[in-house]
Amino acid sequence: MSVKINEEEKKEYIEYMLQNNTIEENLKNWKQNQNSEVLSKMLETIAAKSEECAGLILSVKSDSIPTGADNIALFSDFDGGVIHRVIDNEGKSYAMLFTSKEKFKECDDTSGIVMFIDEVFELIVDKEELDGMVMNIYKEDVVFNKFVMRVVIWLIRQASDKGKCTEVAEN
């Protein structure tokens, strides 16, 4: 069963999905103290937020979604486009993800779509042209390769109530 939601409800749902303060705190901790305990806590926090139907903003080039943090859309409104990516000095390609509108403002010249955490991780892992993702570029700037992303997906699946979030977000 899908539920129809109006534009105001979509905005409220996006705000709910982007309540990622705990993820941001863990990203900052990781940047300051890169050890296995902090890494484990960060990955577990991301998986736990996924269970709460949290989302992340994926930077995209889209003809249907205007650029800027005030124009972020739900993935269900996305009619195709290109995932924005950055290339590191080794030639590896990473999708750009953001935990909040505030963090997304660093790339305000792109369009953004909000996706559930598990779905955006799976999307990126399945893209052969991507080597992973960078979260909150120009801020915490944390890079996840596909192995680490698969660990998060595995953690999510261990406790998943699959489908509970997707049903609400469908329009």
C-alpha atoms as a PDB file:
ATOM      1  CA  MET A   1       0.000   0.000   0.000  1.00  0.00           C
ATOM      2  CA  SER A   2       1.376   3.406  -0.894  1.00  0.00           C
ATOM      3  CA  VAL A   3       0.331   6.662   0.703  1.00  0.00           C
ATOM      4  CA  LYS A   4      -0.047   9.912  -1.253  1.00  0.00           C
ATOM      5  CA  ILE A   5       1.580  12.916   0.398  1.00  0.00           C
ATOM      6  CA  ASN A   6       1.415  16.565  -0.628  1.00  0.00           C
ATOM      7  CA  GLU A   7       4.366  18.952  -1.085  1.00  0.00           C
ATOM      8  CA  GLU A   8       4.269  20.262   2.503  1.00  0.00           C
ATOM      9  CA  GLU A   9       4.249  16.706   3.879  1.00  0.00           C
ATOM     10  CA  LYS A  10       7.193  15.844   1.598  1.00  0.00           C
ATOM     11  CA  LYS A  11       9.157  18.776   3.027  1.00  0.00           C
ATOM     12  CA  GLU A  12       8.343  17.666   6.572  1.00  0.00           C
ATOM     13  CA  TYR A  13       9.357  14.096   5.751  1.00  0.00           C
ATOM     14  CA  ILE A  14      12.655  15.282   4.254  1.00  0.00           C
ATOM     15  CA  GLU A  15      13.320  17.276   7.443  1.00  0.00           C
ATOM     16  CA  TYR A  16      12.603  14.143   9.490  1.00  0.00           C
ATOM     17  CA  MET A  17      14.870  11.998   7.305  1.00  0.00           C
ATOM     18  CA  LEU A  18      17.724  14.480   7.681  1.00  0.00           C
ATOM     19  CA  GLN A  19      17.861  14.524  11.486  1.00  0.00           C
ATOM     20  CA  ASN A  20      21.372  13.126  11.383  1.00  0.00           C
ATOM     21  CA  ASN A  21      23.099  14.869  14.294  1.00  0.00           C
ATOM     22  CA  THR A  22      24.410  11.581  15.698  1.00  0.00           C
ATOM     23  CA  ILE A  23      25.929  10.647  12.347  1.00  0.00           C
ATOM     24  CA  GLU A  24      27.580  14.072  12.091  1.00  0.00           C
ATOM     25  CA  GLU A  25      29.023  13.733  15.600  1.00  0.00           C
ATOM     26  CA  ASN A  26      30.454  10.322  14.726  1.00  0.00           C
ATOM     27  CA  LEU A  27      31.938  11.628  11.469  1.00  0.00           C
ATOM     28  CA  LYS A  28      33.685  14.407  13.418  1.00  0.00           C
ATOM     29  CA  ASN A  29      34.955  11.887  15.985  1.00  0.00           C
ATOM     30  CA  TRP A  30      36.333   9.719  13.191  1.00  0.00           C
ATOM     31  CA  LYS A  31      38.173  12.651  11.616  1.00  0.00           C
ATOM     32  CA  GLN A  32      39.788  13.420  14.988  1.00  0.00           C
ATOM     33  CA  ASN A  33      40.492   9.896  16.169  1.00  0.00           C
ATOM     34  CA  GLN A  34      40.784   7.249  13.451  1.00  0.00           C
ATOM     35  CA  ASN A  35      40.806   3.972  15.333  1.00  0.00           C
ATOM     36  CA  SER A  36      38.776   0.773  15.085  1.00  0.00           C
ATOM     37  CA  GLU A  37      36.539   1.602  18.050  1.00  0.00           C
ATOM     38  CA  VAL A  38      35.510   4.981  16.611  1.00  0.00           C
ATOM     39  CA  LEU A  39      35.034   3.437  13.156  1.00  0.00           C
ATOM     40  CA  SER A  40      32.823   0.699  14.573  1.00  0.00           C
ATOM     41  CA  LYS A  41      30.700   3.224  16.468  1.00  0.00           C
ATOM     42  CA  MET A  42      30.340   5.405  13.360  1.00  0.00           C
ATOM     43  CA  LEU A  43      29.205   2.488  11.175  1.00  0.00           C
ATOM     44  CA  GLU A  44      26.797   1.217  13.841  1.00  0.00           C
ATOM     45  CA  THR A  45      25.314   4.713  14.191  1.00  0.00           C
ATOM     46  CA  ILE A  46      24.723   4.953  10.445  1.00  0.00           C
ATOM     47  CA  ALA A  47      23.015   1.545  10.472  1.00  0.00           C
ATOM     48  CA  ALA A  48      20.885   2.523  13.482  1.00  0.00           C
ATOM     49  CA  LYS A  49      19.795   5.762  11.813  1.00  0.00           C
ATOM     50  CA  SER A  50      18.790   3.722   8.771  1.00  0.00           C
ATOM     51  CA  GLU A  51      16.418   1.761  11.001  1.00  0.00           C
ATOM     52  CA  GLU A  52      14.836   5.092  11.981  1.00  0.00           C
ATOM     53  CA  CYS A  53      14.110   5.817   8.293  1.00  0.00           C
ATOM     54  CA  ALA A  54      16.874   8.404   8.123  1.00  0.00           C
ATOM     55  CA  GLY A  55      18.162   9.548   4.781  1.00  0.00           C
ATOM     56  CA  LEU A  56      21.095  11.211   3.116  1.00  0.00           C
ATOM     57  CA  ILE A  57      21.263  13.760   0.323  1.00  0.00           C
ATOM     58  CA  LEU A  58      22.831  12.473  -2.890  1.00  0.00           C
ATOM     59  CA  SER A  59      24.294  15.178  -5.122  1.00  0.00           C
ATOM     60  CA  VAL A  60      22.985  14.821  -8.676  1.00  0.00           C
ATOM     61  CA  LYS A  61      22.724  16.671 -11.963  1.00  0.00           C
ATOM     62  CA  SER A  62      19.055  16.794 -12.867  1.00  0.00           C
ATOM     63  CA  ASP A  63      16.930  18.710 -15.340  1.00  0.00           C
ATOM     64  CA  SER A  64      13.855  18.168 -13.147  1.00  0.00           C
ATOM     65  CA  ILE A  65      15.232  19.357  -9.782  1.00  0.00           C
ATOM     66  CA  PRO A  66      16.563  22.909  -9.381  1.00  0.00           C
ATOM     67  CA  THR A  67      19.962  23.354  -7.753  1.00  0.00           C
ATOM     68  CA  GLY A  68      20.417  24.393  -4.138  1.00  0.00           C
ATOM     69  CA  ALA A  69      19.700  23.184  -0.638  1.00  0.00           C
ATOM     70  CA  ASP A  70      16.204  24.675  -0.645  1.00  0.00           C
ATOM     71  CA  ASN A  71      15.198  22.522  -3.618  1.00  0.00           C
ATOM     72  CA  ILE A  72      16.096  19.064  -2.348  1.00  0.00           C
ATOM     73  CA  ALA A  73      13.603  16.428  -3.513  1.00  0.00           C
ATOM     74  CA  LEU A  74      12.636  12.933  -2.433  1.00  0.00           C
ATOM     75  CA  PHE A  75      14.104  10.154  -4.558  1.00  0.00           C
ATOM     76  CA  SER A  76      10.576   9.223  -5.674  1.00  0.00           C
ATOM     77  CA  ASP A  77      10.406  12.590  -7.493  1.00  0.00           C
ATOM     78  CA  PHE A  78      13.687  11.997  -9.338  1.00  0.00           C
ATOM     79  CA  ASP A  79      13.250  11.204 -13.014  1.00  0.00           C
ATOM     80  CA  GLY A  80      16.839  10.399 -13.768  1.00  0.00           C
ATOM     81  CA  GLY A  81      20.061  12.261 -14.020  1.00  0.00           C
ATOM     82  CA  VAL A  82      23.722  11.839 -13.216  1.00  0.00           C
ATOM     83  CA  ILE A  83      25.298  11.243  -9.824  1.00  0.00           C
ATOM     84  CA  HIS A  84      27.814  13.995  -9.098  1.00  0.00           C
ATOM     85  CA  ARG A  85      31.184  12.627  -8.149  1.00  0.00           C
ATOM     86  CA  VAL A  86      34.621  13.717  -7.140  1.00  0.00           C
ATOM     87  CA  ILE A  87      37.856  12.149  -8.307  1.00  0.00           C
ATOM     88  CA  ASP A  88      40.745  11.718  -5.865  1.00  0.00           C
ATOM     89  CA  ASN A  89      44.446  12.000  -6.707  1.00  0.00           C
ATOM     90  CA  GLU A  90      44.551   8.241  -7.444  1.00  0.00           C
ATOM     91  CA  GLY A  91      41.755   8.531 -10.000  1.00  0.00           C
ATOM     92  CA  LYS A  92      39.116   6.930  -7.787  1.00  0.00           C
ATOM     93  CA  SER A  93      35.563   8.204  -8.177  1.00  0.00           C
ATOM     94  CA  TYR A  94      33.241   8.927  -5.233  1.00  0.00           C
ATOM     95  CA  ALA A  95      29.591   9.953  -5.023  1.00  0.00           C
ATOM     96  CA  MET A  96      28.906  12.977  -2.819  1.00  0.00           C
ATOM     97  CA  LEU A  97      26.500  12.438   0.089  1.00  0.00           C
ATOM     98  CA  PHE A  98      25.395  14.893   2.741  1.00  0.00           C
ATOM     99  CA  THR A  99      23.808  14.439   6.153  1.00  0.00           C
ATOM    100  CA  SER A 100      21.857  17.730   6.172  1.00  0.00           C
ATOM    101  CA  LYS A 101      20.776  20.705   4.105  1.00  0.00           C
ATOM    102  CA  GLU A 102      23.365  22.779   5.963  1.00  0.00           C
ATOM    103  CA  LYS A 103      26.176  20.441   4.864  1.00  0.00           C
ATOM    104  CA  PHE A 104      24.747  20.292   1.318  1.00  0.00           C
ATOM    105  CA  LYS A 105      25.097  24.071   1.017  1.00  0.00           C
ATOM    106  CA  GLU A 106      28.818  23.436   0.425  1.00  0.00           C
ATOM    107  CA  CYS A 107      27.766  22.119  -3.007  1.00  0.00           C
ATOM    108  CA  ASP A 108      24.779  24.379  -3.481  1.00  0.00           C
ATOM    109  CA  ASP A 109      25.359  24.536  -7.236  1.00  0.00           C
ATOM    110  CA  THR A 110      24.099  20.954  -7.653  1.00  0.00           C
ATOM    111  CA  SER A 111      20.722  19.293  -7.238  1.00  0.00           C
ATOM    112  CA  GLY A 112      20.056  16.943  -4.358  1.00  0.00           C
ATOM    113  CA  ILE A 113      17.796  13.998  -3.725  1.00  0.00           C
ATOM    114  CA  VAL A 114      17.076  12.448  -0.349  1.00  0.00           C
ATOM    115  CA  MET A 115      17.282   8.669  -0.208  1.00  0.00           C
ATOM    116  CA  PHE A 116      17.001   6.209   2.635  1.00  0.00           C
ATOM    117  CA  ILE A 117      20.448   5.272   3.891  1.00  0.00           C
ATOM    118  CA  ASP A 118      20.248   1.608   2.918  1.00  0.00           C
ATOM    119  CA  GLU A 119      18.989   2.425  -0.572  1.00  0.00           C
ATOM    120  CA  VAL A 120      21.636   5.040  -1.341  1.00  0.00           C
ATOM    121  CA  PHE A 121      24.423   2.767  -0.056  1.00  0.00           C
ATOM    122  CA  GLU A 122      23.133  -0.095  -2.236  1.00  0.00           C
ATOM    123  CA  LEU A 123      22.830   2.213  -5.252  1.00  0.00           C
ATOM    124  CA  ILE A 124      26.432   3.374  -4.940  1.00  0.00           C
ATOM    125  CA  VAL A 125      27.815  -0.122  -4.299  1.00  0.00           C
ATOM    126  CA  ASP A 126      26.076  -1.320  -7.481  1.00  0.00           C
ATOM    127  CA  LYS A 127      27.557   1.450  -9.665  1.00  0.00           C
ATOM    128  CA  GLU A 128      30.684   0.088 -11.344  1.00  0.00           C
ATOM    129  CA  GLU A 129      31.922   3.585 -12.180  1.00  0.00           C
ATOM    130  CA  LEU A 130      32.017   4.538  -8.476  1.00  0.00           C
ATOM    131  CA  ASP A 131      34.624   3.460  -5.942  1.00  0.00           C
ATOM    132  CA  GLY A 132      32.560   4.599  -2.954  1.00  0.00           C
ATOM    133  CA  MET A 133      31.294   7.835  -1.490  1.00  0.00           C
ATOM    134  CA  VAL A 134      32.460  10.898   0.364  1.00  0.00           C
ATOM    135  CA  MET A 135      30.190  12.175   3.114  1.00  0.00           C
ATOM    136  CA  ASN A 136      29.957  15.903   3.832  1.00  0.00           C
ATOM    137  CA  ILE A 137      32.658  16.986   1.417  1.00  0.00           C
ATOM    138  CA  TYR A 138      34.401  20.210   2.483  1.00  0.00           C
ATOM    139  CA  LYS A 139      33.259  19.632   6.082  1.00  0.00           C
ATOM    140  CA  GLU A 140      33.966  16.250   7.725  1.00  0.00           C
ATOM    141  CA  ASP A 141      35.024  14.895   4.320  1.00  0.00           C
ATOM    142  CA  VAL A 142      34.801  11.198   5.277  1.00  0.00           C
ATOM    143  CA  VAL A 143      35.446   8.691   2.472  1.00  0.00           C
ATOM    144  CA  PHE A 144      33.805   5.255   2.450  1.00  0.00           C
ATOM    145  CA  ASN A 145      35.071   2.669  -0.005  1.00  0.00           C
ATOM    146  CA  LYS A 146      32.680  -0.034  -1.186  1.00  0.00           C
ATOM    147  CA  PHE A 147      33.936  -2.555   1.369  1.00  0.00           C
ATOM    148  CA  VAL A 148      33.014  -0.239   4.250  1.00  0.00           C
ATOM    149  CA  MET A 149      29.684   0.521   2.590  1.00  0.00           C
ATOM    150  CA  ARG A 150      28.950  -3.221   2.347  1.00  0.00           C
ATOM    151  CA  VAL A 151      29.665  -3.539   6.072  1.00  0.00           C
ATOM    152  CA  VAL A 152      27.043  -0.863   6.782  1.00  0.00           C
ATOM    153  CA  ILE A 153      24.565  -2.619   4.481  1.00  0.00           C
ATOM    154  CA  TRP A 154      25.226  -5.874   6.337  1.00  0.00           C
ATOM    155  CA  LEU A 155      24.656  -4.156   9.707  1.00  0.00           C
ATOM    156  CA  ILE A 156      21.391  -2.695   8.431  1.00  0.00           C
ATOM    157  CA  ARG A 157      20.175  -6.067   7.172  1.00  0.00           C
ATOM    158  CA  GLN A 158      20.905  -7.720  10.530  1.00  0.00           C
ATOM    159  CA  ALA A 159      18.168  -5.685  12.208  1.00  0.00           C
ATOM    160  CA  SER A 160      16.097  -4.626   9.238  1.00  0.00           C
ATOM    161  CA  ASP A 161      12.358  -4.275   9.134  1.00  0.00           C
ATOM    162  CA  LYS A 162      12.609  -4.013   5.348  1.00  0.00           C
ATOM    163  CA  GLY A 163      10.038  -1.889   3.656  1.00  0.00           C
ATOM    164  CA  LYS A 164       8.751   0.076   6.638  1.00  0.00           C
ATOM    165  CA  CYS A 165      10.362   3.301   5.427  1.00  0.00           C
ATOM    166  CA  THR A 166       9.758   2.920   1.708  1.00  0.00           C
ATOM    167  CA  GLU A 167       5.983   2.567   2.066  1.00  0.00           C
ATOM    168  CA  VAL A 168       5.715   5.924   3.819  1.00  0.00           C
ATOM    169  CA  ALA A 169       7.861   7.772   1.288  1.00  0.00           C
ATOM    170  CA  GLU A 170       6.080   6.581  -1.846  1.00  0.00           C
ATOM    171  CA  ASN A 171       3.796   9.224  -3.228  1.00  0.00           C
END
